PDB file of N, CA and C in Angstrom:
ATOM      1  N   MET A   1       0.667  -1.085   0.025  1.00  0.00           N
ATOM      2  CA  MET A   1      -0.134   0.205  -0.372  1.00  0.00           C
ATOM      3  C   MET A   1       1.094   0.993  -0.025  1.00  0.00           C
ATOM      4  N   THR A   2       0.423   1.973  -0.581  1.00  0.00           N
ATOM      5  CA  THR A   2       1.486   3.449  -0.914  1.00  0.00           C
ATOM      6  C   THR A   2       1.072   4.414   0.178  1.00  0.00           C
ATOM      7  N   GLN A   3       1.625   5.279   0.862  1.00  0.00           N
ATOM      8  CA  GLN A   3       1.527   6.563   1.392  1.00  0.00           C
ATOM      9  C   GLN A   3       0.439   7.398   1.195  1.00  0.00           C
ATOM     10  N   GLY A   4      -0.419   7.567   1.875  1.00  0.00           N
ATOM     11  CA  GLY A   4      -1.317   8.252   1.506  1.00  0.00           C
ATOM     12  C   GLY A   4      -1.166  10.038   1.515  1.00  0.00           C
ATOM     13  N   LYS A   5      -1.804  10.962   0.868  1.00  0.00           N
ATOM     14  CA  LYS A   5      -1.357  12.136   0.565  1.00  0.00           C
ATOM     15  C   LYS A   5      -2.747  12.955   1.147  1.00  0.00           C
ATOM     16  N   GLU A   6      -2.600  13.582   1.879  1.00  0.00           N
ATOM     17  CA  GLU A   6      -3.600  14.564   2.906  1.00  0.00           C
ATOM     18  C   GLU A   6      -4.243  15.488   1.497  1.00  0.00           C
ATOM     19  N   ARG A   7      -5.689  15.525   1.761  1.00  0.00           N
ATOM     20  CA  ARG A   7      -6.565  16.407   0.726  1.00  0.00           C
ATOM     21  C   ARG A   7      -7.609  17.037   1.697  1.00  0.00           C
ATOM     22  N   LYS A   8      -7.564  18.206   1.390  1.00  0.00           N
ATOM     23  CA  LYS A   8      -8.955  18.602   2.365  1.00  0.00           C
ATOM     24  C   LYS A   8     -10.307  18.511   1.353  1.00  0.00           C
ATOM     25  N   ILE A   9     -11.208  18.404   2.177  1.00  0.00           N
ATOM     26  CA  ILE A   9     -12.588  18.405   1.500  1.00  0.00           C
ATOM     27  C   ILE A   9     -13.347  19.364   1.789  1.00  0.00           C
ATOM     28  N   GLY A  10     -13.898  19.402   0.401  1.00  0.00           N
ATOM     29  CA  GLY A  10     -14.604  20.986   0.105  1.00  0.00           C
ATOM     30  C   GLY A  10     -15.660  20.918   0.792  1.00  0.00           C
ATOM     31  N   GLN A  11     -16.559  22.034   1.035  1.00  0.00           N
ATOM     32  CA  GLN A  11     -17.591  22.332   1.991  1.00  0.00           C
ATOM     33  C   GLN A  11     -18.905  21.290   1.146  1.00  0.00           C
ATOM     34  N   ARG A  12     -18.796  20.975   0.052  1.00  0.00           N
ATOM     35  CA  ARG A  12     -19.928  20.101  -0.605  1.00  0.00           C
ATOM     36  C   ARG A  12     -19.509  18.615  -0.669  1.00  0.00           C
ATOM     37  N   GLY A  13     -18.155  18.494   0.314  1.00  0.00           N
ATOM     38  CA  GLY A  13     -17.807  16.858   0.583  1.00  0.00           C
ATOM     39  C   GLY A  13     -16.880  16.503  -0.655  1.00  0.00           C
ATOM     40  N   GLN A  14     -16.558  17.260  -1.635  1.00  0.00           N
ATOM     41  CA  GLN A  14     -15.758  16.915  -2.693  1.00  0.00           C
ATOM     42  C   GLN A  14     -14.509  16.474  -2.355  1.00  0.00           C
ATOM     43  N   VAL A  15     -13.437  16.003  -2.841  1.00  0.00           N
ATOM     44  CA  VAL A  15     -11.930  15.794  -2.866  1.00  0.00           C
ATOM     45  C   VAL A  15     -11.462  15.383  -4.129  1.00  0.00           C
ATOM     46  N   THR A  16     -10.196  16.149  -4.160  1.00  0.00           N
ATOM     47  CA  THR A  16      -9.327  15.663  -5.555  1.00  0.00           C
ATOM     48  C   THR A  16      -8.425  14.646  -5.338  1.00  0.00           C
ATOM     49  N   LEU A  17      -8.338  13.797  -6.095  1.00  0.00           N
ATOM     50  CA  LEU A  17      -7.701  12.473  -6.211  1.00  0.00           C
ATOM     51  C   LEU A  17      -6.162  12.853  -6.842  1.00  0.00           C
ATOM     52  N   PRO A  18      -5.192  12.361  -5.988  1.00  0.00           N
ATOM     53  CA  PRO A  18      -4.108  12.777  -6.668  1.00  0.00           C
ATOM     54  C   PRO A  18      -3.885  12.600  -8.033  1.00  0.00           C
ATOM     55  N   LYS A  19      -3.048  13.400  -8.850  1.00  0.00           N
ATOM     56  CA  LYS A  19      -2.977  13.019 -10.261  1.00  0.00           C
ATOM     57  C   LYS A  19      -2.072  11.798 -10.405  1.00  0.00           C
ATOM     58  N   GLU A  20      -1.128  11.578  -9.959  1.00  0.00           N
ATOM     59  CA  GLU A  20      -0.607  10.440  -9.949  1.00  0.00           C
ATOM     60  C   GLU A  20      -1.330   9.106  -9.896  1.00  0.00           C
ATOM     61  N   LEU A  21      -2.558   8.975  -8.957  1.00  0.00           N
ATOM     62  CA  LEU A  21      -3.101   7.901  -8.698  1.00  0.00           C
ATOM     63  C   LEU A  21      -4.062   7.549  -9.755  1.00  0.00           C
ATOM     64  N   ARG A  22      -4.700   9.221 -10.321  1.00  0.00           N
ATOM     65  CA  ARG A  22      -5.626   8.677 -11.377  1.00  0.00           C
ATOM     66  C   ARG A  22      -4.814   8.153 -12.576  1.00  0.00           C
ATOM     67  N   GLU A  23      -3.598   8.602 -12.821  1.00  0.00           N
ATOM     68  CA  GLU A  23      -3.085   8.333 -13.908  1.00  0.00           C
ATOM     69  C   GLU A  23      -2.635   6.788 -14.154  1.00  0.00           C
ATOM     70  N   LYS A  24      -2.191   6.555 -12.513  1.00  0.00           N
ATOM     71  CA  LYS A  24      -1.781   5.078 -12.497  1.00  0.00           C
ATOM     72  C   LYS A  24      -2.762   4.049 -12.661  1.00  0.00           C
ATOM     73  N   LEU A  25      -4.139   4.496 -12.286  1.00  0.00           N
ATOM     74  CA  LEU A  25      -5.286   3.899 -12.319  1.00  0.00           C
ATOM     75  C   LEU A  25      -6.181   3.916 -13.597  1.00  0.00           C
ATOM     76  N   GLY A  26      -6.099   4.907 -14.019  1.00  0.00           N
ATOM     77  CA  GLY A  26      -6.938   4.923 -15.412  1.00  0.00           C
ATOM     78  C   GLY A  26      -7.945   5.677 -15.105  1.00  0.00           C
ATOM     79  N   ILE A  27      -7.837   6.757 -14.528  1.00  0.00           N
ATOM     80  CA  ILE A  27      -9.182   7.280 -13.616  1.00  0.00           C
ATOM     81  C   ILE A  27      -9.362   8.772 -14.362  1.00  0.00           C
ATOM     82  N   HIS A  28     -10.319   9.208 -15.227  1.00  0.00           N
ATOM     83  CA  HIS A  28     -10.222  10.462 -15.758  1.00  0.00           C
ATOM     84  C   HIS A  28     -11.427  11.232 -15.583  1.00  0.00           C
ATOM     85  N   GLY A  29     -11.352  12.697 -15.488  1.00  0.00           N
ATOM     86  CA  GLY A  29     -12.743  13.122 -15.402  1.00  0.00           C
ATOM     87  C   GLY A  29     -14.082  12.610 -15.985  1.00  0.00           C
ATOM     88  N   GLY A  30     -15.085  12.654 -15.228  1.00  0.00           N
ATOM     89  CA  GLY A  30     -16.345  12.035 -15.730  1.00  0.00           C
ATOM     90  C   GLY A  30     -16.217  10.546 -15.541  1.00  0.00           C
ATOM     91  N   ASP A  31     -15.156  10.049 -15.029  1.00  0.00           N
ATOM     92  CA  ASP A  31     -15.320   8.521 -15.144  1.00  0.00           C
ATOM     93  C   ASP A  31     -16.025   8.484 -13.585  1.00  0.00           C
ATOM     94  N   GLU A  32     -16.422   6.900 -13.570  1.00  0.00           N
ATOM     95  CA  GLU A  32     -17.632   6.674 -12.260  1.00  0.00           C
ATOM     96  C   GLU A  32     -16.569   6.001 -11.079  1.00  0.00           C
ATOM     97  N   VAL A  33     -16.692   5.957  -9.854  1.00  0.00           N
ATOM     98  CA  VAL A  33     -15.927   5.276  -9.226  1.00  0.00           C
ATOM     99  C   VAL A  33     -16.566   4.641  -8.015  1.00  0.00           C
ATOM    100  N   LEU A  34     -15.958   3.594  -7.470  1.00  0.00           N
ATOM    101  CA  LEU A  34     -17.083   3.325  -6.219  1.00  0.00           C
ATOM    102  C   LEU A  34     -16.782   3.571  -4.928  1.00  0.00           C
ATOM    103  N   VAL A  35     -17.253   4.097  -4.271  1.00  0.00           N
ATOM    104  CA  VAL A  35     -16.929   4.671  -3.171  1.00  0.00           C
ATOM    105  C   VAL A  35     -17.740   3.893  -1.837  1.00  0.00           C
ATOM    106  N   HIS A  36     -17.234   3.306  -0.780  1.00  0.00           N
ATOM    107  CA  HIS A  36     -17.665   2.536   0.509  1.00  0.00           C
ATOM    108  C   HIS A  36     -16.898   2.435   1.591  1.00  0.00           C
ATOM    109  N   GLU A  37     -17.690   2.156   2.360  1.00  0.00           N
ATOM    110  CA  GLU A  37     -16.466   1.939   3.839  1.00  0.00           C
ATOM    111  C   GLU A  37     -16.259   0.440   3.917  1.00  0.00           C
ATOM    112  N   GLU A  38     -15.224   0.202   4.640  1.00  0.00           N
ATOM    113  CA  GLU A  38     -14.638  -0.867   5.062  1.00  0.00           C
ATOM    114  C   GLU A  38     -13.408  -0.709   6.062  1.00  0.00           C
ATOM    115  N   ASP A  39     -13.889  -1.248   7.303  1.00  0.00           N
ATOM    116  CA  ASP A  39     -13.374  -1.343   8.496  1.00  0.00           C
ATOM    117  C   ASP A  39     -12.776   0.072   8.974  1.00  0.00           C
ATOM    118  N   GLY A  40     -14.066   0.941   8.948  1.00  0.00           N
ATOM    119  CA  GLY A  40     -13.689   2.432   9.270  1.00  0.00           C
ATOM    120  C   GLY A  40     -12.721   3.311   8.299  1.00  0.00           C
ATOM    121  N   LYS A  41     -12.647   2.838   7.273  1.00  0.00           N
ATOM    122  CA  LYS A  41     -11.954   3.582   5.941  1.00  0.00           C
ATOM    123  C   LYS A  41     -12.775   3.820   4.735  1.00  0.00           C
ATOM    124  N   ILE A  42     -12.708   5.116   4.275  1.00  0.00           N
ATOM    125  CA  ILE A  42     -13.469   5.366   3.239  1.00  0.00           C
ATOM    126  C   ILE A  42     -12.410   4.750   2.163  1.00  0.00           C
ATOM    127  N   ILE A  43     -13.113   3.805   1.013  1.00  0.00           N
ATOM    128  CA  ILE A  43     -12.373   3.110  -0.048  1.00  0.00           C
ATOM    129  C   ILE A  43     -12.912   3.658  -1.323  1.00  0.00           C
ATOM    130  N   ILE A  44     -11.950   4.240  -2.149  1.00  0.00           N
ATOM    131  CA  ILE A  44     -12.260   4.749  -3.462  1.00  0.00           C
ATOM    132  C   ILE A  44     -11.845   3.945  -4.497  1.00  0.00           C
ATOM    133  N   GLU A  45     -12.498   3.306  -5.524  1.00  0.00           N
ATOM    134  CA  GLU A  45     -11.913   2.014  -6.569  1.00  0.00           C
ATOM    135  C   GLU A  45     -12.838   2.241  -7.679  1.00  0.00           C
ATOM    136  N   ARG A  46     -11.864   1.777  -8.343  1.00  0.00           N
ATOM    137  CA  ARG A  46     -12.302   2.129 -10.125  1.00  0.00           C
ATOM    138  C   ARG A  46     -13.335   0.797 -10.327  1.00  0.00           C
ATOM    139  N   PRO A  47     -14.197   0.889 -10.824  1.00  0.00           N
ATOM    140  CA  PRO A  47     -15.253  -0.225 -11.048  1.00  0.00           C
ATOM    141  C   PRO A  47     -14.905  -1.054 -11.960  1.00  0.00           C
ATOM    142  N   LEU A  48     -15.029  -2.459 -11.937  1.00  0.00           N
ATOM    143  CA  LEU A  48     -14.308  -3.266 -13.145  1.00  0.00           C
ATOM    144  C   LEU A  48     -15.238  -2.883 -14.348  1.00  0.00           C
ATOM    145  N   SER A  49     -14.661  -2.988 -15.443  1.00  0.00           N
ATOM    146  CA  SER A  49     -15.299  -3.117 -17.079  1.00  0.00           C
ATOM    147  C   SER A  49     -15.784  -4.446 -17.236  1.00  0.00           C
ATOM    148  N   ARG A  50     -17.066  -3.990 -18.234  1.00  0.00           N
ATOM    149  CA  ARG A  50     -17.447  -5.210 -18.658  1.00  0.00           C
ATOM    150  C   ARG A  50     -16.582  -6.268 -19.652  1.00  0.00           C
ATOM    151  N   GLU A  51     -15.476  -5.576 -19.891  1.00  0.00           N
ATOM    152  CA  GLU A  51     -14.560  -6.958 -20.366  1.00  0.00           C
ATOM    153  C   GLU A  51     -13.729  -7.583 -19.031  1.00  0.00           C
ATOM    154  N   GLU A  52     -13.484  -6.577 -18.100  1.00  0.00           N
ATOM    155  CA  GLU A  52     -12.620  -6.923 -16.999  1.00  0.00           C
ATOM    156  C   GLU A  52     -13.395  -8.209 -16.609  1.00  0.00           C
ATOM    157  N   LEU A  53     -14.648  -8.235 -16.347  1.00  0.00           N
ATOM    158  CA  LEU A  53     -15.715  -8.838 -15.552  1.00  0.00           C
ATOM    159  C   LEU A  53     -15.901  -9.929 -16.350  1.00  0.00           C
ATOM    160  N   ALA A  54     -15.904 -10.164 -17.470  1.00  0.00           N
ATOM    161  CA  ALA A  54     -16.197 -11.187 -18.708  1.00  0.00           C
ATOM    162  C   ALA A  54     -14.679 -12.070 -18.624  1.00  0.00           C
ATOM    163  N   GLU A  55     -13.801 -11.458 -18.574  1.00  0.00           N
ATOM    164  CA  GLU A  55     -12.342 -12.421 -18.452  1.00  0.00           C
ATOM    165  C   GLU A  55     -12.330 -12.970 -17.228  1.00  0.00           C
ATOM    166  N   GLY A  56     -12.513 -12.372 -16.154  1.00  0.00           N
ATOM    167  CA  GLY A  56     -12.972 -13.052 -14.874  1.00  0.00           C
ATOM    168  C   GLY A  56     -13.479 -14.168 -14.647  1.00  0.00           C
ATOM    169  N   TYR A  57     -14.773 -14.066 -15.319  1.00  0.00           N
ATOM    170  CA  TYR A  57     -15.873 -15.237 -15.680  1.00  0.00           C
ATOM    171  C   TYR A  57     -15.306 -16.407 -16.581  1.00  0.00           C
ATOM    172  N   ARG A  58     -14.680 -15.818 -17.390  1.00  0.00           N
ATOM    173  CA  ARG A  58     -14.089 -17.099 -18.967  1.00  0.00           C
ATOM    174  C   ARG A  58     -12.820 -17.699 -17.759  1.00  0.00           C
ATOM    175  N   ARG A  59     -11.901 -16.937 -17.047  1.00  0.00           N
ATOM    176  CA  ARG A  59     -10.776 -17.621 -16.368  1.00  0.00           C
ATOM    177  C   ARG A  59     -11.308 -18.461 -15.050  1.00  0.00           C
ATOM    178  N   ARG A  60     -12.442 -18.388 -14.343  1.00  0.00           N
ATOM    179  CA  ARG A  60     -13.102 -19.078 -13.611  1.00  0.00           C
ATOM    180  C   ARG A  60     -13.620 -20.482 -14.279  1.00  0.00           C
ATOM    181  N   ALA A  61     -14.341 -20.213 -15.519  1.00  0.00           N
ATOM    182  CA  ALA A  61     -14.696 -21.262 -16.070  1.00  0.00           C
ATOM    183  C   ALA A  61     -13.603 -22.337 -16.464  1.00  0.00           C
ATOM    184  N   ALA A  62     -12.585 -21.676 -16.973  1.00  0.00           N
ATOM    185  CA  ALA A  62     -11.290 -22.390 -17.332  1.00  0.00           C
ATOM    186  C   ALA A  62     -10.775 -23.324 -16.218  1.00  0.00           C
ATOM    187  N   GLU A  63     -10.690 -22.184 -14.936  1.00  0.00           N
ATOM    188  CA  GLU A  63     -10.007 -23.429 -13.898  1.00  0.00           C
ATOM    189  C   GLU A  63     -11.043 -24.299 -13.619  1.00  0.00           C
ATOM    190  N   SER A  64     -12.430 -24.161 -13.598  1.00  0.00           N
ATOM    191  CA  SER A  64     -13.266 -24.940 -12.985  1.00  0.00           C
ATOM    192  C   SER A  64     -13.453 -26.362 -14.130  1.00  0.00           C
ATOM    193  N   GLU A  65     -13.102 -26.105 -15.469  1.00  0.00           N
ATOM    194  CA  GLU A  65     -13.180 -27.039 -16.362  1.00  0.00           C
ATOM    195  C   GLU A  65     -11.661 -27.960 -15.942  1.00  0.00           C
ATOM    196  N   ALA A  66     -10.431 -27.325 -16.037  1.00  0.00           N
ATOM    197  CA  ALA A  66      -9.295 -28.223 -15.574  1.00  0.00           C
ATOM    198  C   ALA A  66      -9.493 -28.838 -14.138  1.00  0.00           C
ATOM    199  N   ILE A  67     -10.038 -28.674 -13.349  1.00  0.00           N
ATOM    200  CA  ILE A  67     -10.359 -29.232 -12.002  1.00  0.00           C
ATOM    201  C   ILE A  67     -11.126 -30.592 -12.458  1.00  0.00           C
ATOM    202  N   ALA A  68     -12.420 -30.199 -13.355  1.00  0.00           N
ATOM    203  CA  ALA A  68     -13.126 -31.321 -13.656  1.00  0.00           C
ATOM    204  C   ALA A  68     -12.731 -32.270 -14.375  1.00  0.00           C
ATOM    205  N   GLU A  69     -11.715 -32.059 -15.030  1.00  0.00           N
ATOM    206  CA  GLU A  69     -11.092 -32.745 -16.346  1.00  0.00           C
ATOM    207  C   GLU A  69      -9.858 -33.703 -14.981  1.00  0.00           C
ATOM    208  N   GLU A  70      -9.286 -32.954 -14.090  1.00  0.00           N
ATOM    209  CA  GLU A  70      -8.450 -33.522 -12.920  1.00  0.00           C
ATOM    210  C   GLU A  70      -9.041 -34.687 -12.479  1.00  0.00           C
ATOM    211  N   MET A  71     -10.522 -34.304 -11.888  1.00  0.00           N
ATOM    212  CA  MET A  71     -10.867 -35.184 -11.246  1.00  0.00           C
ATOM    213  C   MET A  71     -11.803 -36.426 -12.004  1.00  0.00           C
ATOM    214  N   ASP A  72     -11.977 -36.135 -13.216  1.00  0.00           N
ATOM    215  CA  ASP A  72     -12.116 -37.100 -14.388  1.00  0.00           C
ATOM    216  C   ASP A  72     -11.202 -38.488 -14.480  1.00  0.00           C
ATOM    217  N   SER A  73     -10.019 -37.792 -14.461  1.00  0.00           N
ATOM    218  CA  SER A  73      -8.541 -38.482 -14.852  1.00  0.00           C
ATOM    219  C   SER A  73      -8.736 -39.593 -13.673  1.00  0.00           C
ATOM    220  N   VAL A  74      -8.758 -38.842 -12.388  1.00  0.00           N
ATOM    221  CA  VAL A  74      -8.293 -39.324 -11.375  1.00  0.00           C
ATOM    222  C   VAL A  74      -9.277 -40.472 -10.664  1.00  0.00           C
ATOM    223  N   SER A  75     -10.339 -40.251 -11.380  1.00  0.00           N
ATOM    224  CA  SER A  75     -11.576 -41.158 -11.105  1.00  0.00           C
ATOM    225  C   SER A  75     -11.441 -42.394 -12.002  1.00  0.00           C
ATOM    226  N   ARG A  76     -10.916 -42.281 -13.361  1.00  0.00           N
ATOM    227  CA  ARG A  76     -10.453 -43.477 -14.323  1.00  0.00           C
ATOM    228  C   ARG A  76      -9.454 -43.983 -13.617  1.00  0.00           C
ATOM    229  N   GLU A  77      -8.694 -43.344 -13.311  1.00  0.00           N
ATOM    230  CA  GLU A  77      -7.413 -44.252 -12.530  1.00  0.00           C
ATOM    231  C   GLU A  77      -7.780 -45.108 -11.307  1.00  0.00           C
ATOM    232  N   ALA A  78      -8.470 -44.381 -10.493  1.00  0.00           N
ATOM    233  CA  ALA A  78      -8.927 -45.234  -9.446  1.00  0.00           C
ATOM    234  C   ALA A  78     -10.031 -46.356  -9.610  1.00  0.00           C
ATOM    235  N   ASP A  79     -10.502 -46.422 -10.727  1.00  0.00           N
ATOM    236  CA  ASP A  79     -11.467 -47.411 -11.463  1.00  0.00           C
ATOM    237  C   ASP A  79     -10.645 -48.232 -11.939  1.00  0.00           C
ATOM    238  N   GLU A  80      -9.444 -48.068 -12.647  1.00  0.00           N
ATOM    239  CA  GLU A  80      -8.569 -49.206 -13.093  1.00  0.00           C
ATOM    240  C   GLU A  80      -7.968 -49.852 -11.927  1.00  0.00           C
ATOM    241  N   TYR A  81      -7.498 -48.947 -10.844  1.00  0.00           N
ATOM    242  CA  TYR A  81      -6.650 -49.640  -9.975  1.00  0.00           C
ATOM    243  C   TYR A  81      -7.592 -50.821  -8.985  1.00  0.00           C
ATOM    244  N   LEU A  82      -8.567 -50.290  -8.593  1.00  0.00           N
ATOM    245  CA  LEU A  82      -9.595 -51.001  -8.072  1.00  0.00           C
ATOM    246  C   LEU A  82     -10.761 -52.090  -8.466  1.00  0.00           C
ATOM    247  N   GLY A  83     -10.638 -51.648  -9.557  1.00  0.00           N
ATOM    248  CA  GLY A  83     -11.885 -52.481 -10.727  1.00  0.00           C
ATOM    249  C   GLY A  83     -12.882 -51.866 -10.542  1.00  0.00           C
ATOM    250  N   ASP A  84     -13.794 -53.097 -10.785  1.00  0.00           N
ATOM    251  CA  ASP A  84     -15.429 -52.701 -10.357  1.00  0.00           C
ATOM    252  C   ASP A  84     -16.004 -52.686  -9.316  1.00  0.00           C
ATOM    253  N   ILE A  85     -16.839 -51.746  -8.824  1.00  0.00           N
ATOM    254  CA  ILE A  85     -17.340 -51.882  -7.463  1.00  0.00           C
ATOM    255  C   ILE A  85     -18.661 -52.490  -7.709  1.00  0.00           C
ATOM    256  N   PRO A  86     -18.886 -52.912  -6.276  1.00  0.00           N
ATOM    257  CA  PRO A  86     -20.262 -53.377  -6.517  1.00  0.00           C
ATOM    258  C   PRO A  86     -21.492 -52.503  -6.299  1.00  0.00           C
ATOM    259  N   GLU A  87     -22.296 -52.960  -7.068  1.00  0.00           N
ATOM    260  CA  GLU A  87     -23.782 -52.258  -6.883  1.00  0.00           C
ATOM    261  C   GLU A  87     -24.513 -52.075  -5.394  1.00  0.00           C
ATOM    262  N   TRP A  88     -24.661 -51.301  -4.978  1.00  0.00           N
ATOM    263  CA  TRP A  88     -25.291 -51.312  -3.486  1.00  0.00           C
ATOM    264  C   TRP A  88     -26.650 -51.460  -3.802  1.00  0.00           C
TER     265      TRP A  88
END
């Protein structure tokens, strides 16, 4: 976490984000940000874009598919090693 910079809050509750942070995070005038409280702190963050959200879902689906394939492989190995199991 980087060291914070003090800012004054205007009478209407406005605060200016430091230029270095805006540039680093790709935040421009007119962009929307998420503002929420967490453990007594005010958190300001850039929301995920639709593309970033979709990529996250694609990554999660690929991970789930890889786990399912691994489980299927292990199950086949167990069947080969143990042979047929009786029907209960």
